């Protein structure tokens, strides 16, 4: 809409992914299978590799999508850690 945003596309996507997946975890509807997790990790890794290693610029839309996937992965890892700690205690 012509206004500058204080965040880059990847960071905005990350916060969006964290927000959306946090709601899913709190409602109990957020469970990722291992195959889906590997696909997400590969997609994020390829995008980061293209940007930082090979210095190939991707579009802002792709950066936004990558940020969302990183946010979802972040919440998935936190959920996994907390579930594991809860099982150890009780």
PDB file of N, CA and C in Angstrom:
ATOM      1  N   UNK A   1       0.809  -1.197   0.000  1.00  0.00           N
ATOM      2  CA  UNK A   1       0.000   0.000   0.000  1.00  0.00           C
ATOM      3  C   UNK A   1       0.849   1.256   0.000  1.00  0.00           C
ATOM      4  N   UNK A   2       2.134   1.129  -0.254  1.00  0.00           N
ATOM      5  CA  UNK A   2       2.987   2.282  -0.380  1.00  0.00           C
ATOM      6  C   UNK A   2       3.643   2.759   0.900  1.00  0.00           C
ATOM      7  N   UNK A   3       3.400   2.049   2.017  1.00  0.00           N
ATOM      8  CA  UNK A   3       4.003   2.447   3.283  1.00  0.00           C
ATOM      9  C   UNK A   3       5.188   1.541   3.594  1.00  0.00           C
ATOM     10  N   UNK A   4       6.269   2.097   4.149  1.00  0.00           N
ATOM     11  CA  UNK A   4       7.400   1.234   4.511  1.00  0.00           C
ATOM     12  C   UNK A   4       7.063   0.378   5.734  1.00  0.00           C
ATOM     13  N   UNK A   5       7.623  -0.800   5.767  1.00  0.00           N
ATOM     14  CA  UNK A   5       7.420  -1.728   6.871  1.00  0.00           C
ATOM     15  C   UNK A   5       8.722  -1.818   7.647  1.00  0.00           C
ATOM     16  N   UNK A   6       8.619  -1.885   8.964  1.00  0.00           N
ATOM     17  CA  UNK A   6       9.810  -1.895   9.811  1.00  0.00           C
ATOM     18  C   UNK A   6      10.522  -3.250   9.814  1.00  0.00           C
ATOM     19  N   UNK A   7       9.919  -4.265   9.253  1.00  0.00           N
ATOM     20  CA  UNK A   7      10.502  -5.605   9.235  1.00  0.00           C
ATOM     21  C   UNK A   7      10.761  -6.034   7.799  1.00  0.00           C
ATOM     22  N   UNK A   8      11.741  -6.902   7.640  1.00  0.00           N
ATOM     23  CA  UNK A   8      11.942  -7.487   6.315  1.00  0.00           C
ATOM     24  C   UNK A   8      10.867  -8.552   6.086  1.00  0.00           C
ATOM     25  N   UNK A   9      10.753  -9.009   4.875  1.00  0.00           N
ATOM     26  CA  UNK A   9       9.712  -9.989   4.534  1.00  0.00           C
ATOM     27  C   UNK A   9       9.884 -11.294   5.299  1.00  0.00           C
ATOM     28  N   UNK A  10      11.124 -11.752   5.433  1.00  0.00           N
ATOM     29  CA  UNK A  10      11.370 -13.016   6.128  1.00  0.00           C
ATOM     30  C   UNK A  10      11.006 -12.903   7.606  1.00  0.00           C
ATOM     31  N   UNK A  11      11.348 -11.787   8.235  1.00  0.00           N
ATOM     32  CA  UNK A  11      11.031 -11.589   9.656  1.00  0.00           C
ATOM     33  C   UNK A  11       9.520 -11.475   9.865  1.00  0.00           C
ATOM     34  N   UNK A  12       8.849 -10.734   8.998  1.00  0.00           N
ATOM     35  CA  UNK A  12       7.397 -10.621   9.077  1.00  0.00           C
ATOM     36  C   UNK A  12       6.744 -11.987   8.903  1.00  0.00           C
ATOM     37  N   UNK A  13       7.248 -12.786   7.974  1.00  0.00           N
ATOM     38  CA  UNK A  13       6.747 -14.144   7.788  1.00  0.00           C
ATOM     39  C   UNK A  13       7.002 -15.014   8.996  1.00  0.00           C
ATOM     40  N   UNK A  14       8.179 -14.854   9.630  1.00  0.00           N
ATOM     41  CA  UNK A  14       8.508 -15.632  10.825  1.00  0.00           C
ATOM     42  C   UNK A  14       7.510 -15.335  11.941  1.00  0.00           C
ATOM     43  N   UNK A  15       7.255 -14.063  12.194  1.00  0.00           N
ATOM     44  CA  UNK A  15       6.309 -13.703  13.248  1.00  0.00           C
ATOM     45  C   UNK A  15       4.898 -14.155  12.909  1.00  0.00           C
ATOM     46  N   UNK A  16       4.533 -14.106  11.651  1.00  0.00           N
ATOM     47  CA  UNK A  16       3.226 -14.599  11.225  1.00  0.00           C
ATOM     48  C   UNK A  16       3.126 -16.104  11.436  1.00  0.00           C
ATOM     49  N   UNK A  17       4.170 -16.837  11.073  1.00  0.00           N
ATOM     50  CA  UNK A  17       4.179 -18.285  11.270  1.00  0.00           C
ATOM     51  C   UNK A  17       4.141 -18.675  12.732  1.00  0.00           C
ATOM     52  N   UNK A  18       4.863 -17.935  13.569  1.00  0.00           N
ATOM     53  CA  UNK A  18       4.843 -18.202  15.011  1.00  0.00           C
ATOM     54  C   UNK A  18       3.438 -17.955  15.558  1.00  0.00           C
ATOM     55  N   UNK A  19       2.818 -16.861  15.156  1.00  0.00           N
ATOM     56  CA  UNK A  19       1.477 -16.528  15.636  1.00  0.00           C
ATOM     57  C   UNK A  19       0.462 -17.594  15.233  1.00  0.00           C
ATOM     58  N   UNK A  20       0.454 -17.949  13.966  1.00  0.00           N
ATOM     59  CA  UNK A  20      -0.530 -18.914  13.466  1.00  0.00           C
ATOM     60  C   UNK A  20      -0.318 -20.295  14.079  1.00  0.00           C
ATOM     61  N   UNK A  21       0.928 -20.750  14.124  1.00  0.00           N
ATOM     62  CA  UNK A  21       1.174 -22.089  14.658  1.00  0.00           C
ATOM     63  C   UNK A  21       1.010 -22.130  16.180  1.00  0.00           C
ATOM     64  N   UNK A  22       1.227 -21.013  16.874  1.00  0.00           N
ATOM     65  CA  UNK A  22       0.993 -20.968  18.318  1.00  0.00           C
ATOM     66  C   UNK A  22      -0.485 -21.156  18.623  1.00  0.00           C
ATOM     67  N   UNK A  23      -1.332 -20.524  17.824  1.00  0.00           N
ATOM     68  CA  UNK A  23      -2.770 -20.710  18.000  1.00  0.00           C
ATOM     69  C   UNK A  23      -3.144 -22.170  17.759  1.00  0.00           C
ATOM     70  N   UNK A  24      -2.545 -22.777  16.731  1.00  0.00           N
ATOM     71  CA  UNK A  24      -2.809 -24.187  16.450  1.00  0.00           C
ATOM     72  C   UNK A  24      -2.360 -25.096  17.576  1.00  0.00           C
ATOM     73  N   UNK A  25      -1.215 -24.799  18.182  1.00  0.00           N
ATOM     74  CA  UNK A  25      -0.724 -25.612  19.298  1.00  0.00           C
ATOM     75  C   UNK A  25      -1.637 -25.450  20.506  1.00  0.00           C
ATOM     76  N   UNK A  26      -2.033 -24.212  20.804  1.00  0.00           N
ATOM     77  CA  UNK A  26      -2.896 -23.972  21.956  1.00  0.00           C
ATOM     78  C   UNK A  26      -4.260 -24.631  21.799  1.00  0.00           C
ATOM     79  N   UNK A  27      -4.751 -24.713  20.581  1.00  0.00           N
ATOM     80  CA  UNK A  27      -6.028 -25.384  20.335  1.00  0.00           C
ATOM     81  C   UNK A  27      -5.874 -26.898  20.208  1.00  0.00           C
ATOM     82  N   UNK A  28      -4.653 -27.384  20.196  1.00  0.00           N
ATOM     83  CA  UNK A  28      -4.404 -28.823  20.113  1.00  0.00           C
ATOM     84  C   UNK A  28      -4.530 -29.392  18.722  1.00  0.00           C
ATOM     85  N   UNK A  29      -4.461 -28.568  17.701  1.00  0.00           N
ATOM     86  CA  UNK A  29      -4.629 -29.041  16.333  1.00  0.00           C
ATOM     87  C   UNK A  29      -3.345 -28.965  15.525  1.00  0.00           C
ATOM     88  N   UNK A  30      -2.224 -28.873  16.187  1.00  0.00           N
ATOM     89  CA  UNK A  30      -0.955 -28.680  15.479  1.00  0.00           C
ATOM     90  C   UNK A  30      -0.042 -29.872  15.737  1.00  0.00           C
ATOM     91  N   UNK A  31      -0.051 -30.807  14.825  1.00  0.00           N
ATOM     92  CA  UNK A  31       0.835 -31.965  14.890  1.00  0.00           C
ATOM     93  C   UNK A  31       1.474 -32.142  13.518  1.00  0.00           C
ATOM     94  N   UNK A  32       2.796 -32.141  13.476  1.00  0.00           N
ATOM     95  CA  UNK A  32       3.501 -32.336  12.212  1.00  0.00           C
ATOM     96  C   UNK A  32       4.063 -33.747  12.142  1.00  0.00           C
ATOM     97  N   UNK A  33       3.953 -34.343  10.990  1.00  0.00           N
ATOM     98  CA  UNK A  33       4.568 -35.642  10.770  1.00  0.00           C
ATOM     99  C   UNK A  33       6.021 -35.434  10.364  1.00  0.00           C
ATOM    100  N   UNK A  34       6.828 -36.460  10.531  1.00  0.00           N
ATOM    101  CA  UNK A  34       8.259 -36.355  10.257  1.00  0.00           C
ATOM    102  C   UNK A  34       8.527 -36.029   8.788  1.00  0.00           C
ATOM    103  N   UNK A  35       7.754 -36.608   7.871  1.00  0.00           N
ATOM    104  CA  UNK A  35       7.950 -36.343   6.443  1.00  0.00           C
ATOM    105  C   UNK A  35       7.710 -34.869   6.125  1.00  0.00           C
ATOM    106  N   UNK A  36       6.654 -34.323   6.676  1.00  0.00           N
ATOM    107  CA  UNK A  36       6.326 -32.921   6.441  1.00  0.00           C
ATOM    108  C   UNK A  36       7.389 -32.011   7.046  1.00  0.00           C
ATOM    109  N   UNK A  37       7.898 -32.394   8.196  1.00  0.00           N
ATOM    110  CA  UNK A  37       8.953 -31.627   8.857  1.00  0.00           C
ATOM    111  C   UNK A  37      10.219 -31.589   8.007  1.00  0.00           C
ATOM    112  N   UNK A  38      10.598 -32.704   7.425  1.00  0.00           N
ATOM    113  CA  UNK A  38      11.783 -32.766   6.569  1.00  0.00           C
ATOM    114  C   UNK A  38      11.605 -31.898   5.334  1.00  0.00           C
ATOM    115  N   UNK A  39      10.410 -31.906   4.751  1.00  0.00           N
ATOM    116  CA  UNK A  39      10.142 -31.071   3.580  1.00  0.00           C
ATOM    117  C   UNK A  39      10.262 -29.593   3.938  1.00  0.00           C
ATOM    118  N   UNK A  40       9.735 -29.199   5.081  1.00  0.00           N
ATOM    119  CA  UNK A  40       9.846 -27.808   5.523  1.00  0.00           C
ATOM    120  C   UNK A  40      11.296 -27.401   5.737  1.00  0.00           C
ATOM    121  N   UNK A  41      12.058 -28.264   6.382  1.00  0.00           N
ATOM    122  CA  UNK A  41      13.462 -27.967   6.648  1.00  0.00           C
ATOM    123  C   UNK A  41      14.243 -27.845   5.340  1.00  0.00           C
ATOM    124  N   UNK A  42      13.988 -28.734   4.397  1.00  0.00           N
ATOM    125  CA  UNK A  42      14.681 -28.668   3.108  1.00  0.00           C
ATOM    126  C   UNK A  42      14.339 -27.382   2.346  1.00  0.00           C
ATOM    127  N   UNK A  43      13.077 -27.007   2.346  1.00  0.00           N
ATOM    128  CA  UNK A  43      12.672 -25.785   1.655  1.00  0.00           C
ATOM    129  C   UNK A  43      13.344 -24.559   2.257  1.00  0.00           C
ATOM    130  N   UNK A  44      13.357 -24.476   3.586  1.00  0.00           N
ATOM    131  CA  UNK A  44      13.999 -23.347   4.266  1.00  0.00           C
ATOM    132  C   UNK A  44      15.498 -23.360   4.003  1.00  0.00           C
ATOM    133  N   UNK A  45      16.111 -24.525   4.069  1.00  0.00           N
ATOM    134  CA  UNK A  45      17.550 -24.633   3.861  1.00  0.00           C
ATOM    135  C   UNK A  45      17.944 -24.216   2.444  1.00  0.00           C
ATOM    136  N   UNK A  46      17.159 -24.636   1.448  1.00  0.00           N
ATOM    137  CA  UNK A  46      17.455 -24.275   0.059  1.00  0.00           C
ATOM    138  C   UNK A  46      17.343 -22.771  -0.139  1.00  0.00           C
ATOM    139  N   UNK A  47      16.293 -22.163   0.427  1.00  0.00           N
ATOM    140  CA  UNK A  47      16.137 -20.717   0.273  1.00  0.00           C
ATOM    141  C   UNK A  47      17.279 -19.962   0.955  1.00  0.00           C
ATOM    142  N   UNK A  48      17.631 -20.365   2.153  1.00  0.00           N
ATOM    143  CA  UNK A  48      18.733 -19.692   2.846  1.00  0.00           C
ATOM    144  C   UNK A  48      20.062 -19.918   2.129  1.00  0.00           C
ATOM    145  N   UNK A  49      20.253 -21.096   1.574  1.00  0.00           N
ATOM    146  CA  UNK A  49      21.469 -21.397   0.828  1.00  0.00           C
ATOM    147  C   UNK A  49      21.573 -20.511  -0.414  1.00  0.00           C
ATOM    148  N   UNK A  50      20.475 -20.366  -1.138  1.00  0.00           N
ATOM    149  CA  UNK A  50      20.478 -19.517  -2.322  1.00  0.00           C
ATOM    150  C   UNK A  50      20.779 -18.056  -1.974  1.00  0.00           C
ATOM    151  N   UNK A  51      20.219 -17.585  -0.873  1.00  0.00           N
ATOM    152  CA  UNK A  51      20.385 -16.187  -0.505  1.00  0.00           C
ATOM    153  C   UNK A  51      21.760 -15.883   0.069  1.00  0.00           C
ATOM    154  N   UNK A  52      22.230 -16.681   0.987  1.00  0.00           N
ATOM    155  CA  UNK A  52      23.437 -16.325   1.725  1.00  0.00           C
ATOM    156  C   UNK A  52      24.721 -16.928   1.160  1.00  0.00           C
ATOM    157  N   UNK A  53      24.662 -18.104   0.607  1.00  0.00           N
ATOM    158  CA  UNK A  53      25.867 -18.749   0.083  1.00  0.00           C
ATOM    159  C   UNK A  53      26.101 -18.345  -1.368  1.00  0.00           C
ATOM    160  N   UNK A  54      25.079 -18.510  -2.217  1.00  0.00           N
ATOM    161  CA  UNK A  54      25.229 -18.246  -3.643  1.00  0.00           C
ATOM    162  C   UNK A  54      24.864 -16.816  -4.022  1.00  0.00           C
ATOM    163  N   UNK A  55      24.372 -16.040  -3.065  1.00  0.00           N
ATOM    164  CA  UNK A  55      24.052 -14.629  -3.268  1.00  0.00           C
ATOM    165  C   UNK A  55      23.043 -14.417  -4.404  1.00  0.00           C
ATOM    166  N   UNK A  56      22.069 -15.317  -4.496  1.00  0.00           N
ATOM    167  CA  UNK A  56      20.997 -15.214  -5.482  1.00  0.00           C
ATOM    168  C   UNK A  56      19.781 -14.628  -4.767  1.00  0.00           C
ATOM    169  N   UNK A  57      19.275 -13.519  -5.273  1.00  0.00           N
ATOM    170  CA  UNK A  57      18.129 -12.880  -4.647  1.00  0.00           C
ATOM    171  C   UNK A  57      16.845 -13.593  -5.044  1.00  0.00           C
ATOM    172  N   UNK A  58      16.047 -13.913  -4.038  1.00  0.00           N
ATOM    173  CA  UNK A  58      14.725 -14.476  -4.277  1.00  0.00           C
ATOM    174  C   UNK A  58      13.709 -13.363  -4.080  1.00  0.00           C
ATOM    175  N   UNK A  59      12.501 -13.612  -4.488  1.00  0.00           N
ATOM    176  CA  UNK A  59      11.463 -12.578  -4.387  1.00  0.00           C
ATOM    177  C   UNK A  59      11.028 -12.391  -2.937  1.00  0.00           C
ATOM    178  N   UNK A  60      10.416 -11.260  -2.668  1.00  0.00           N
ATOM    179  CA  UNK A  60       9.925 -10.998  -1.318  1.00  0.00           C
ATOM    180  C   UNK A  60       8.828 -11.975  -0.916  1.00  0.00           C
ATOM    181  N   UNK A  61       8.021 -12.405  -1.878  1.00  0.00           N
ATOM    182  CA  UNK A  61       6.981 -13.387  -1.579  1.00  0.00           C
ATOM    183  C   UNK A  61       7.596 -14.700  -1.102  1.00  0.00           C
ATOM    184  N   UNK A  62       8.640 -15.168  -1.783  1.00  0.00           N
ATOM    185  CA  UNK A  62       9.311 -16.402  -1.378  1.00  0.00           C
ATOM    186  C   UNK A  62       9.981 -16.237  -0.014  1.00  0.00           C
ATOM    187  N   UNK A  63      10.553 -15.084   0.251  1.00  0.00           N
ATOM    188  CA  UNK A  63      11.136 -14.821   1.565  1.00  0.00           C
ATOM    189  C   UNK A  63      10.064 -14.835   2.652  1.00  0.00           C
ATOM    190  N   UNK A  64       8.903 -14.279   2.349  1.00  0.00           N
ATOM    191  CA  UNK A  64       7.793 -14.279   3.307  1.00  0.00           C
ATOM    192  C   UNK A  64       7.350 -15.712   3.617  1.00  0.00           C
ATOM    193  N   UNK A  65       7.200 -16.525   2.576  1.00  0.00           N
ATOM    194  CA  UNK A  65       6.814 -17.933   2.759  1.00  0.00           C
ATOM    195  C   UNK A  65       7.875 -18.672   3.564  1.00  0.00           C
ATOM    196  N   UNK A  66       9.139 -18.438   3.279  1.00  0.00           N
ATOM    197  CA  UNK A  66      10.222 -19.067   4.039  1.00  0.00           C
ATOM    198  C   UNK A  66      10.163 -18.648   5.498  1.00  0.00           C
ATOM    199  N   UNK A  67       9.875 -17.390   5.755  1.00  0.00           N
ATOM    200  CA  UNK A  67       9.736 -16.922   7.132  1.00  0.00           C
ATOM    201  C   UNK A  67       8.601 -17.619   7.852  1.00  0.00           C
ATOM    202  N   UNK A  68       7.473 -17.795   7.174  1.00  0.00           N
ATOM    203  CA  UNK A  68       6.348 -18.517   7.784  1.00  0.00           C
ATOM    204  C   UNK A  68       6.768 -19.938   8.142  1.00  0.00           C
ATOM    205  N   UNK A  69       7.462 -20.603   7.228  1.00  0.00           N
ATOM    206  CA  UNK A  69       7.896 -21.979   7.492  1.00  0.00           C
ATOM    207  C   UNK A  69       8.872 -22.038   8.663  1.00  0.00           C
ATOM    208  N   UNK A  70       9.767 -21.044   8.759  1.00  0.00           N
ATOM    209  CA  UNK A  70      10.694 -21.017   9.890  1.00  0.00           C
ATOM    210  C   UNK A  70       9.948 -20.792  11.200  1.00  0.00           C
ATOM    211  N   UNK A  71       8.913 -19.963  11.190  1.00  0.00           N
ATOM    212  CA  UNK A  71       8.107 -19.755  12.387  1.00  0.00           C
ATOM    213  C   UNK A  71       7.381 -21.012  12.818  1.00  0.00           C
ATOM    214  N   UNK A  72       6.831 -21.731  11.839  1.00  0.00           N
ATOM    215  CA  UNK A  72       6.151 -22.997  12.130  1.00  0.00           C
ATOM    216  C   UNK A  72       7.148 -24.014  12.692  1.00  0.00           C
ATOM    217  N   UNK A  73       8.330 -24.097  12.093  1.00  0.00           N
ATOM    218  CA  UNK A  73       9.349 -25.019  12.592  1.00  0.00           C
ATOM    219  C   UNK A  73       9.787 -24.656  14.011  1.00  0.00           C
ATOM    220  N   UNK A  74       9.911 -23.369  14.292  1.00  0.00           N
ATOM    221  CA  UNK A  74      10.297 -22.908  15.622  1.00  0.00           C
ATOM    222  C   UNK A  74       9.289 -23.368  16.675  1.00  0.00           C
ATOM    223  N   UNK A  75       8.007 -23.169  16.405  1.00  0.00           N
ATOM    224  CA  UNK A  75       6.968 -23.584  17.354  1.00  0.00           C
ATOM    225  C   UNK A  75       6.916 -25.104  17.452  1.00  0.00           C
ATOM    226  N   UNK A  76       7.134 -25.804  16.348  1.00  0.00           N
ATOM    227  CA  UNK A  76       7.150 -27.261  16.387  1.00  0.00           C
ATOM    228  C   UNK A  76       8.260 -27.770  17.300  1.00  0.00           C
ATOM    229  N   UNK A  77       9.447 -27.180  17.192  1.00  0.00           N
ATOM    230  CA  UNK A  77      10.574 -27.592  18.036  1.00  0.00           C
ATOM    231  C   UNK A  77      10.288 -27.279  19.498  1.00  0.00           C
ATOM    232  N   UNK A  78       9.762 -26.092  19.782  1.00  0.00           N
ATOM    233  CA  UNK A  78       9.420 -25.753  21.167  1.00  0.00           C
ATOM    234  C   UNK A  78       8.365 -26.699  21.722  1.00  0.00           C
ATOM    235  N   UNK A  79       7.358 -27.005  20.927  1.00  0.00           N
ATOM    236  CA  UNK A  79       6.312 -27.933  21.362  1.00  0.00           C
ATOM    237  C   UNK A  79       6.894 -29.317  21.633  1.00  0.00           C
ATOM    238  N   UNK A  80       7.794 -29.761  20.782  1.00  0.00           N
ATOM    239  CA  UNK A  80       8.439 -31.062  20.972  1.00  0.00           C
ATOM    240  C   UNK A  80       9.240 -31.092  22.273  1.00  0.00           C
ATOM    241  N   UNK A  81       9.996 -30.025  22.544  1.00  0.00           N
ATOM    242  CA  UNK A  81      10.810 -29.955  23.765  1.00  0.00           C
ATOM    243  C   UNK A  81       9.928 -29.954  25.002  1.00  0.00           C
ATOM    244  N   UNK A  82       8.863 -29.149  24.995  1.00  0.00           N
ATOM    245  CA  UNK A  82       7.984 -29.089  26.158  1.00  0.00           C
ATOM    246  C   UNK A  82       7.236 -30.392  26.374  1.00  0.00           C
ATOM    247  N   UNK A  83       6.812 -31.058  25.306  1.00  0.00           N
ATOM    248  CA  UNK A  83       6.161 -32.362  25.443  1.00  0.00           C
ATOM    249  C   UNK A  83       7.116 -33.387  26.029  1.00  0.00           C
ATOM    250  N   UNK A  84       8.370 -33.364  25.607  1.00  0.00           N
ATOM    251  CA  UNK A  84       9.361 -34.300  26.115  1.00  0.00           C
ATOM    252  C   UNK A  84       9.623 -34.056  27.599  1.00  0.00           C
ATOM    253  N   UNK A  85       9.736 -32.773  27.993  1.00  0.00           N
ATOM    254  CA  UNK A  85       9.945 -32.439  29.413  1.00  0.00           C
ATOM    255  C   UNK A  85       8.744 -32.841  30.254  1.00  0.00           C
ATOM    256  N   UNK A  86       7.547 -32.670  29.714  1.00  0.00           N
ATOM    257  CA  UNK A  86       6.343 -33.038  30.447  1.00  0.00           C
ATOM    258  C   UNK A  86       6.278 -34.548  30.662  1.00  0.00           C
ATOM    259  N   UNK A  87       6.687 -35.329  29.664  1.00  0.00           N
ATOM    260  CA  UNK A  87       6.690 -36.781  29.802  1.00  0.00           C
ATOM    261  C   UNK A  87       7.728 -37.249  30.809  1.00  0.00           C
ATOM    262  N   UNK A  88       8.884 -36.554  30.886  1.00  0.00           N
ATOM    263  CA  UNK A  88       9.924 -36.918  31.838  1.00  0.00           C
ATOM    264  C   UNK A  88       9.478 -36.668  33.273  1.00  0.00           C
ATOM    265  N   UNK A  89       8.721 -35.613  33.498  1.00  0.00           N
ATOM    266  CA  UNK A  89       8.268 -35.258  34.843  1.00  0.00           C
ATOM    267  C   UNK A  89       7.110 -36.098  35.329  1.00  0.00           C
ATOM    268  N   UNK A  90       6.250 -36.484  34.426  1.00  0.00           N
ATOM    269  CA  UNK A  90       5.032 -37.155  34.884  1.00  0.00           C
ATOM    270  C   UNK A  90       4.824 -38.418  34.217  1.00  0.00           C
TER     271      UNK A  90
END
